[in-house]
Protein backbone atom coordinates (compact mmCIF):
# COMPACT_ATOMS: atom_id res chain seq x y z
CA UNK A 1 -4.27 17.84 -4.94
CA UNK A 2 -3.61 14.15 -5.74
CA UNK A 3 -4.69 11.76 -2.97
CA UNK A 4 -3.45 8.19 -3.39
CA UNK A 5 -4.66 5.26 -1.27
CA UNK A 6 -2.61 2.07 -1.14
CA UNK A 7 -3.94 -1.14 0.42
CA UNK A 8 -1.35 -3.66 1.61
CA UNK A 9 -1.21 -6.54 4.03
CA UNK A 10 0.35 -5.83 7.42
CA UNK A 11 3.93 -6.85 7.91
CA UNK A 12 6.08 -4.42 5.93
CA UNK A 13 8.83 -2.58 7.78
CA UNK A 14 8.54 1.14 8.48
CA UNK A 15 11.49 1.68 6.13
CA UNK A 16 9.68 -0.04 3.24
CA UNK A 17 6.56 2.04 3.84
CA UNK A 18 8.63 5.25 3.91
CA UNK A 19 10.23 4.25 0.61
CA UNK A 20 6.82 3.47 -0.89
CA UNK A 21 5.49 6.88 0.16
CA UNK A 22 8.54 8.66 -1.23
CA UNK A 23 8.63 6.84 -4.57
CA UNK A 24 4.87 6.98 -5.22
CA UNK A 25 4.92 10.68 -4.38
CA UNK A 26 7.72 11.29 -6.89
CA UNK A 27 5.94 9.35 -9.67
CA UNK A 28 2.58 11.04 -9.11
CA UNK A 29 4.24 14.45 -8.96
CA UNK A 30 6.08 13.83 -12.24
CA UNK A 31 3.17 12.28 -14.17
CA UNK A 32 0.55 14.81 -13.04
CA UNK A 33 2.97 17.75 -12.95
CA UNK A 34 1.84 18.46 -9.41
CA UNK A 35 4.06 19.93 -6.71
CA UNK A 36 5.38 17.26 -4.33
CA UNK A 37 3.92 19.28 -1.45
CA UNK A 38 0.41 18.67 -2.85
CA UNK A 39 0.66 14.88 -3.12
CA UNK A 40 -1.00 12.90 -0.33
CA UNK A 41 -0.43 9.18 0.23
CA UNK A 42 -2.48 6.98 2.56
CA UNK A 43 -1.38 3.43 3.31
CA UNK A 44 -4.12 1.14 4.61
CA UNK A 45 -2.68 -1.95 6.27
CA UNK A 46 -5.04 -4.90 6.32
CA UNK A 47 -4.99 -8.00 8.47
CA UNK A 48 -4.52 -11.20 6.44
CA UNK A 49 -7.96 -12.41 7.55
CA UNK A 50 -9.51 -9.26 6.04
CA UNK A 51 -8.14 -9.85 2.53
CA UNK A 52 -9.59 -12.55 0.30
CA UNK A 53 -8.25 -14.26 -2.82
CA UNK A 54 -10.23 -16.84 -4.78
CA UNK A 55 -12.81 -17.27 -2.06
CA UNK A 56 -10.62 -17.56 1.02
CA UNK A 57 -8.66 -15.24 3.28
CA UNK A 58 -4.94 -14.73 2.86
CA UNK A 59 -4.55 -15.96 6.44
CA UNK A 60 -6.17 -19.29 5.55
CA UNK A 61 -4.17 -19.57 2.30
CA UNK A 62 -0.93 -18.97 4.23
CA UNK A 63 -1.83 -21.64 6.80
CA UNK A 64 -2.36 -24.19 4.02
CA UNK A 65 1.03 -23.47 2.40
CA UNK A 66 3.02 -23.84 5.65
């Protein structure tokens, strides 16, 4: 049973997350030849202050670019 975890920043619409789940499920099912019913997808949404790039949080990086 494939179990896929996806980490993204908060802010995507429910429709985009539904599409992500659907399309990742289809790809995993095809590549691994696993029934769609057996594919599990977990989306972890992270706050921008909990995600760091090059030594600073995404929240801080976004504040600097505004």
